[in-house]
Amino acid sequence: MTAHEWLKSVNICCAFMSRERSGKASNSELWRWLSAGAVRVDGERIEPDEEVMFPLTSVILFPSGNRVTLYEA
């Protein structure tokens, strides 16, 4: 599963709010988050088409701004 596919599946249950407009973040916006380095998985930047290796030990959104930790073991 790619990082983009995984983030889309998480967005279904978590409903990330858009940082560009009101409402839920679009699939394109999720792609841009990944491309811009706004998502860190296990402490590393992950590209949209990169395979996600499970199990994950941490997921952080927007690490350099208003940080949101989704999961940290």
PDB file of N, CA and C in Angstrom:
ATOM      1  N   MET A   1       0.855  -1.168   0.000  1.00  0.00           N
ATOM      2  CA  MET A   1       0.000   0.000   0.000  1.00  0.00           C
ATOM      3  C   MET A   1       0.906   1.238   0.000  1.00  0.00           C
ATOM      4  N   THR A   2       0.614   2.172  -0.893  1.00  0.00           N
ATOM      5  CA  THR A   2       1.412   3.399  -0.945  1.00  0.00           C
ATOM      6  C   THR A   2       0.998   4.347   0.176  1.00  0.00           C
ATOM      7  N   ALA A   3       1.843   5.321   0.446  1.00  0.00           N
ATOM      8  CA  ALA A   3       1.553   6.307   1.484  1.00  0.00           C
ATOM      9  C   ALA A   3       0.266   7.065   1.170  1.00  0.00           C
ATOM     10  N   HIS A   4       0.044   7.387  -0.106  1.00  0.00           N
ATOM     11  CA  HIS A   4      -1.167   8.117  -0.477  1.00  0.00           C
ATOM     12  C   HIS A   4      -2.407   7.252  -0.263  1.00  0.00           C
ATOM     13  N   GLU A   5      -2.355   5.994  -0.655  1.00  0.00           N
ATOM     14  CA  GLU A   5      -3.479   5.089  -0.437  1.00  0.00           C
ATOM     15  C   GLU A   5      -3.768   4.943   1.055  1.00  0.00           C
ATOM     16  N   TRP A   6      -2.707   4.807   1.847  1.00  0.00           N
ATOM     17  CA  TRP A   6      -2.876   4.657   3.288  1.00  0.00           C
ATOM     18  C   TRP A   6      -3.486   5.911   3.901  1.00  0.00           C
ATOM     19  N   LEU A   7      -2.968   7.101   3.527  1.00  0.00           N
ATOM     20  CA  LEU A   7      -3.493   8.341   4.092  1.00  0.00           C
ATOM     21  C   LEU A   7      -4.948   8.558   3.687  1.00  0.00           C
ATOM     22  N   LYS A   8      -5.314   8.179   2.458  1.00  0.00           N
ATOM     23  CA  LYS A   8      -6.722   8.262   2.038  1.00  0.00           C
ATOM     24  C   LYS A   8      -7.594   7.364   2.908  1.00  0.00           C
ATOM     25  N   SER A   9      -7.121   6.167   3.229  1.00  0.00           N
ATOM     26  CA  SER A   9      -7.916   5.250   4.053  1.00  0.00           C
ATOM     27  C   SER A   9      -8.058   5.775   5.482  1.00  0.00           C
ATOM     28  N   VAL A  10      -7.022   6.416   6.003  1.00  0.00           N
ATOM     29  CA  VAL A  10      -7.106   7.016   7.338  1.00  0.00           C
ATOM     30  C   VAL A  10      -8.064   8.203   7.307  1.00  0.00           C
ATOM     31  N   ASN A  11      -8.063   8.954   6.219  1.00  0.00           N
ATOM     32  CA  ASN A  11      -8.937  10.121   6.074  1.00  0.00           C
ATOM     33  C   ASN A  11     -10.414   9.728   6.102  1.00  0.00           C
ATOM     34  N   ILE A  12     -10.733   8.515   5.717  1.00  0.00           N
ATOM     35  CA  ILE A  12     -12.128   8.054   5.744  1.00  0.00           C
ATOM     36  C   ILE A  12     -12.648   8.014   7.177  1.00  0.00           C
ATOM     37  N   CYS A  13     -11.846   7.497   8.095  1.00  0.00           N
ATOM     38  CA  CYS A  13     -12.321   7.395   9.481  1.00  0.00           C
ATOM     39  C   CYS A  13     -11.985   8.630  10.313  1.00  0.00           C
ATOM     40  N   CYS A  14     -10.887   9.308  10.021  1.00  0.00           N
ATOM     41  CA  CYS A  14     -10.479  10.470  10.823  1.00  0.00           C
ATOM     42  C   CYS A  14     -11.003  11.797  10.287  1.00  0.00           C
ATOM     43  N   ALA A  15     -11.325  11.858   9.016  1.00  0.00           N
ATOM     44  CA  ALA A  15     -11.831  13.070   8.362  1.00  0.00           C
ATOM     45  C   ALA A  15     -10.939  14.281   8.651  1.00  0.00           C
ATOM     46  N   PHE A  16      -9.719  14.261   8.089  1.00  0.00           N
ATOM     47  CA  PHE A  16      -8.815  15.392   8.233  1.00  0.00           C
ATOM     48  C   PHE A  16      -9.472  16.637   7.664  1.00  0.00           C
ATOM     49  N   MET A  17      -9.362  17.730   8.375  1.00  0.00           N
ATOM     50  CA  MET A  17      -9.921  18.987   7.891  1.00  0.00           C
ATOM     51  C   MET A  17      -8.926  19.645   6.942  1.00  0.00           C
ATOM     52  N   SER A  18      -9.457  20.226   5.895  1.00  0.00           N
ATOM     53  CA  SER A  18      -8.636  20.881   4.886  1.00  0.00           C
ATOM     54  C   SER A  18      -7.941  22.094   5.466  1.00  0.00           C
ATOM     55  N   ARG A  19      -6.715  22.335   5.021  1.00  0.00           N
ATOM     56  CA  ARG A  19      -6.000  23.540   5.393  1.00  0.00           C
ATOM     57  C   ARG A  19      -6.147  24.598   4.294  1.00  0.00           C
ATOM     58  N   GLU A  20      -6.844  24.240   3.198  1.00  0.00           N
ATOM     59  CA  GLU A  20      -6.999  25.133   2.049  1.00  0.00           C
ATOM     60  C   GLU A  20      -8.411  25.709   1.925  1.00  0.00           C
ATOM     61  N   ARG A  21      -9.381  24.994   2.450  1.00  0.00           N
ATOM     62  CA  ARG A  21     -10.786  25.417   2.330  1.00  0.00           C
ATOM     63  C   ARG A  21     -11.556  24.801   3.483  1.00  0.00           C
ATOM     64  N   SER A  22     -12.827  25.105   3.618  1.00  0.00           N
ATOM     65  CA  SER A  22     -13.607  24.487   4.683  1.00  0.00           C
ATOM     66  C   SER A  22     -14.007  23.075   4.265  1.00  0.00           C
ATOM     67  N   GLY A  23     -14.113  22.204   5.239  1.00  0.00           N
ATOM     68  CA  GLY A  23     -14.523  20.832   4.969  1.00  0.00           C
ATOM     69  C   GLY A  23     -13.364  19.856   5.027  1.00  0.00           C
ATOM     70  N   LYS A  24     -13.650  18.653   4.579  1.00  0.00           N
ATOM     71  CA  LYS A  24     -12.700  17.546   4.617  1.00  0.00           C
ATOM     72  C   LYS A  24     -11.601  17.728   3.570  1.00  0.00           C
ATOM     73  N   ALA A  25     -10.386  17.302   3.915  1.00  0.00           N
ATOM     74  CA  ALA A  25      -9.256  17.374   2.982  1.00  0.00           C
ATOM     75  C   ALA A  25      -9.500  16.463   1.784  1.00  0.00           C
ATOM     76  N   SER A  26      -9.207  16.946   0.598  1.00  0.00           N
ATOM     77  CA  SER A  26      -9.386  16.165  -0.621  1.00  0.00           C
ATOM     78  C   SER A  26      -8.203  15.222  -0.824  1.00  0.00           C
ATOM     79  N   ASN A  27      -8.373  14.244  -1.700  1.00  0.00           N
ATOM     80  CA  ASN A  27      -7.287  13.323  -2.022  1.00  0.00           C
ATOM     81  C   ASN A  27      -6.090  14.078  -2.603  1.00  0.00           C
ATOM     82  N   SER A  28      -6.344  15.094  -3.407  1.00  0.00           N
ATOM     83  CA  SER A  28      -5.265  15.913  -3.975  1.00  0.00           C
ATOM     84  C   SER A  28      -4.506  16.653  -2.882  1.00  0.00           C
ATOM     85  N   GLU A  29      -5.234  17.153  -1.896  1.00  0.00           N
ATOM     86  CA  GLU A  29      -4.589  17.854  -0.792  1.00  0.00           C
ATOM     87  C   GLU A  29      -3.732  16.885   0.021  1.00  0.00           C
ATOM     88  N   LEU A  30      -4.208  15.672   0.245  1.00  0.00           N
ATOM     89  CA  LEU A  30      -3.414  14.663   0.949  1.00  0.00           C
ATOM     90  C   LEU A  30      -2.128  14.368   0.190  1.00  0.00           C
ATOM     91  N   TRP A  31      -2.212  14.286  -1.139  1.00  0.00           N
ATOM     92  CA  TRP A  31      -1.025  14.069  -1.978  1.00  0.00           C
ATOM     93  C   TRP A  31      -0.023  15.217  -1.779  1.00  0.00           C
ATOM     94  N   ARG A  32      -0.536  16.450  -1.756  1.00  0.00           N
ATOM     95  CA  ARG A  32       0.336  17.609  -1.575  1.00  0.00           C
ATOM     96  C   ARG A  32       0.978  17.599  -0.191  1.00  0.00           C
ATOM     97  N   TRP A  33       0.239  17.182   0.844  1.00  0.00           N
ATOM     98  CA  TRP A  33       0.808  17.083   2.191  1.00  0.00           C
ATOM     99  C   TRP A  33       2.006  16.137   2.179  1.00  0.00           C
ATOM    100  N   LEU A  34       1.821  14.978   1.559  1.00  0.00           N
ATOM    101  CA  LEU A  34       2.900  13.998   1.488  1.00  0.00           C
ATOM    102  C   LEU A  34       4.081  14.551   0.687  1.00  0.00           C
ATOM    103  N   SER A  35       3.810  15.168  -0.449  1.00  0.00           N
ATOM    104  CA  SER A  35       4.863  15.720  -1.309  1.00  0.00           C
ATOM    105  C   SER A  35       5.650  16.824  -0.619  1.00  0.00           C
ATOM    106  N   ALA A  36       4.981  17.585   0.228  1.00  0.00           N
ATOM    107  CA  ALA A  36       5.613  18.717   0.905  1.00  0.00           C
ATOM    108  C   ALA A  36       6.323  18.314   2.201  1.00  0.00           C
ATOM    109  N   GLY A  37       6.249  17.052   2.582  1.00  0.00           N
ATOM    110  CA  GLY A  37       6.902  16.594   3.808  1.00  0.00           C
ATOM    111  C   GLY A  37       6.106  16.871   5.058  1.00  0.00           C
ATOM    112  N   ALA A  38       4.805  17.088   4.922  1.00  0.00           N
ATOM    113  CA  ALA A  38       3.954  17.392   6.071  1.00  0.00           C
ATOM    114  C   ALA A  38       3.505  16.147   6.819  1.00  0.00           C
ATOM    115  N   VAL A  39       3.926  14.980   6.365  1.00  0.00           N
ATOM    116  CA  VAL A  39       3.584  13.720   7.039  1.00  0.00           C
ATOM    117  C   VAL A  39       4.884  12.980   7.315  1.00  0.00           C
ATOM    118  N   ARG A  40       5.088  12.614   8.575  1.00  0.00           N
ATOM    119  CA  ARG A  40       6.254  11.822   8.978  1.00  0.00           C
ATOM    120  C   ARG A  40       5.768  10.480   9.502  1.00  0.00           C
ATOM    121  N   VAL A  41       6.318   9.417   8.959  1.00  0.00           N
ATOM    122  CA  VAL A  41       5.995   8.064   9.403  1.00  0.00           C
ATOM    123  C   VAL A  41       7.262   7.469   9.987  1.00  0.00           C
ATOM    124  N   ASP A  42       7.176   7.040  11.233  1.00  0.00           N
ATOM    125  CA  ASP A  42       8.333   6.507  11.951  1.00  0.00           C
ATOM    126  C   ASP A  42       9.514   7.469  11.899  1.00  0.00           C
ATOM    127  N   GLY A  43       9.205   8.768  12.005  1.00  0.00           N
ATOM    128  CA  GLY A  43      10.228   9.795  12.055  1.00  0.00           C
ATOM    129  C   GLY A  43      10.808  10.224  10.724  1.00  0.00           C
ATOM    130  N   GLU A  44      10.347   9.635   9.641  1.00  0.00           N
ATOM    131  CA  GLU A  44      10.891   9.927   8.315  1.00  0.00           C
ATOM    132  C   GLU A  44       9.828  10.525   7.399  1.00  0.00           C
ATOM    133  N   ARG A  45      10.255  11.436   6.542  1.00  0.00           N
ATOM    134  CA  ARG A  45       9.387  11.959   5.492  1.00  0.00           C
ATOM    135  C   ARG A  45       9.063  10.815   4.537  1.00  0.00           C
ATOM    136  N   ILE A  46       7.843  10.764   4.067  1.00  0.00           N
ATOM    137  CA  ILE A  46       7.427   9.699   3.160  1.00  0.00           C
ATOM    138  C   ILE A  46       6.784  10.316   1.925  1.00  0.00           C
ATOM    139  N   GLU A  47       7.149   9.812   0.766  1.00  0.00           N
ATOM    140  CA  GLU A  47       6.623  10.316  -0.508  1.00  0.00           C
ATOM    141  C   GLU A  47       5.279   9.641  -0.809  1.00  0.00           C
ATOM    142  N   PRO A  48       4.411  10.305  -1.594  1.00  0.00           N
ATOM    143  CA  PRO A  48       3.069   9.761  -1.868  1.00  0.00           C
ATOM    144  C   PRO A  48       3.059   8.363  -2.476  1.00  0.00           C
ATOM    145  N   ASP A  49       4.027   8.055  -3.342  1.00  0.00           N
ATOM    146  CA  ASP A  49       4.018   6.753  -4.013  1.00  0.00           C
ATOM    147  C   ASP A  49       4.941   5.731  -3.348  1.00  0.00           C
ATOM    148  N   GLU A  50       5.464   6.073  -2.185  1.00  0.00           N
ATOM    149  CA  GLU A  50       6.339   5.169  -1.435  1.00  0.00           C
ATOM    150  C   GLU A  50       5.500   4.149  -0.661  1.00  0.00           C
ATOM    151  N   GLU A  51       5.981   2.921  -0.599  1.00  0.00           N
ATOM    152  CA  GLU A  51       5.272   1.867   0.123  1.00  0.00           C
ATOM    153  C   GLU A  51       5.372   2.102   1.630  1.00  0.00           C
ATOM    154  N   VAL A  52       4.261   1.904   2.334  1.00  0.00           N
ATOM    155  CA  VAL A  52       4.226   2.023   3.785  1.00  0.00           C
ATOM    156  C   VAL A  52       4.527   0.646   4.368  1.00  0.00           C
ATOM    157  N   MET A  53       5.468   0.615   5.307  1.00  0.00           N
ATOM    158  CA  MET A  53       5.853  -0.634   5.946  1.00  0.00           C
ATOM    159  C   MET A  53       5.190  -0.708   7.320  1.00  0.00           C
ATOM    160  N   PHE A  54       4.397  -1.739   7.533  1.00  0.00           N
ATOM    161  CA  PHE A  54       3.704  -1.931   8.806  1.00  0.00           C
ATOM    162  C   PHE A  54       4.466  -2.927   9.656  1.00  0.00           C
ATOM    163  N   PRO A  55       4.406  -2.838  10.978  1.00  0.00           N
ATOM    164  CA  PRO A  55       3.631  -1.894  11.783  1.00  0.00           C
ATOM    165  C   PRO A  55       4.322  -0.530  11.873  1.00  0.00           C
ATOM    166  N   LEU A  56       3.520   0.508  12.058  1.00  0.00           N
ATOM    167  CA  LEU A  56       4.020   1.863  12.214  1.00  0.00           C
ATOM    168  C   LEU A  56       4.254   2.133  13.696  1.00  0.00           C
ATOM    169  N   THR A  57       5.289   2.878  14.021  1.00  0.00           N
ATOM    170  CA  THR A  57       5.516   3.239  15.423  1.00  0.00           C
ATOM    171  C   THR A  57       5.126   4.682  15.718  1.00  0.00           C
ATOM    172  N   SER A  58       5.082   5.537  14.666  1.00  0.00           N
ATOM    173  CA  SER A  58       4.607   6.905  14.875  1.00  0.00           C
ATOM    174  C   SER A  58       4.166   7.516  13.549  1.00  0.00           C
ATOM    175  N   VAL A  59       3.167   8.382  13.649  1.00  0.00           N
ATOM    176  CA  VAL A  59       2.677   9.151  12.498  1.00  0.00           C
ATOM    177  C   VAL A  59       2.448  10.571  12.990  1.00  0.00           C
ATOM    178  N   ILE A  60       3.114  11.532  12.347  1.00  0.00           N
ATOM    179  CA  ILE A  60       2.996  12.934  12.737  1.00  0.00           C
ATOM    180  C   ILE A  60       2.639  13.758  11.515  1.00  0.00           C
ATOM    181  N   LEU A  61       1.608  14.591  11.649  1.00  0.00           N
ATOM    182  CA  LEU A  61       1.211  15.528  10.595  1.00  0.00           C
ATOM    183  C   LEU A  61       1.753  16.908  10.931  1.00  0.00           C
ATOM    184  N   PHE A  62       2.244  17.618   9.941  1.00  0.00           N
ATOM    185  CA  PHE A  62       2.733  18.988  10.059  1.00  0.00           C
ATOM    186  C   PHE A  62       3.803  19.103  11.144  1.00  0.00           C
ATOM    187  N   PRO A  63       4.922  18.367  10.996  1.00  0.00           N
ATOM    188  CA  PRO A  63       5.951  18.332  12.033  1.00  0.00           C
ATOM    189  C   PRO A  63       6.636  19.662  12.318  1.00  0.00           C
ATOM    190  N   SER A  64       6.640  20.594  11.371  1.00  0.00           N
ATOM    191  CA  SER A  64       7.331  21.865  11.609  1.00  0.00           C
ATOM    192  C   SER A  64       6.379  22.993  11.994  1.00  0.00           C
ATOM    193  N   GLY A  65       5.086  22.732  12.019  1.00  0.00           N
ATOM    194  CA  GLY A  65       4.113  23.765  12.360  1.00  0.00           C
ATOM    195  C   GLY A  65       3.271  23.343  13.541  1.00  0.00           C
ATOM    196  N   ASN A  66       1.973  23.408  13.372  1.00  0.00           N
ATOM    197  CA  ASN A  66       1.044  22.955  14.399  1.00  0.00           C
ATOM    198  C   ASN A  66       0.991  21.435  14.359  1.00  0.00           C
ATOM    199  N   ARG A  67       1.850  20.811  15.093  1.00  0.00           N
ATOM    200  CA  ARG A  67       2.075  19.371  15.073  1.00  0.00           C
ATOM    201  C   ARG A  67       0.873  18.595  15.599  1.00  0.00           C
ATOM    202  N   VAL A  68       0.512  17.540  14.876  1.00  0.00           N
ATOM    203  CA  VAL A  68      -0.551  16.640  15.293  1.00  0.00           C
ATOM    204  C   VAL A  68       0.013  15.233  15.267  1.00  0.00           C
ATOM    205  N   THR A  69       0.074  14.589  16.425  1.00  0.00           N
ATOM    206  CA  THR A  69       0.564  13.224  16.496  1.00  0.00           C
ATOM    207  C   THR A  69      -0.639  12.290  16.422  1.00  0.00           C
ATOM    208  N   LEU A  70      -0.677  11.454  15.378  1.00  0.00           N
ATOM    209  CA  LEU A  70      -1.771  10.507  15.228  1.00  0.00           C
ATOM    210  C   LEU A  70      -1.525   9.249  16.039  1.00  0.00           C
ATOM    211  N   TYR A  71      -0.270   8.827  16.052  1.00  0.00           N
ATOM    212  CA  TYR A  71       0.052   7.591  16.757  1.00  0.00           C
ATOM    213  C   TYR A  71       1.516   7.611  17.136  1.00  0.00           C
ATOM    214  N   GLU A  72       1.806   7.191  18.345  1.00  0.00           N
ATOM    215  CA  GLU A  72       3.190   7.065  18.765  1.00  0.00           C
ATOM    216  C   GLU A  72       3.272   5.953  19.788  1.00  0.00           C
ATOM    217  N   ALA A  73       4.081   4.942  19.472  1.00  0.00           N
ATOM    218  CA  ALA A  73       4.200   3.784  20.363  1.00  0.00           C
ATOM    219  C   ALA A  73       5.256   4.032  21.410  1.00  0.00           C
TER     220      ALA A  73
END
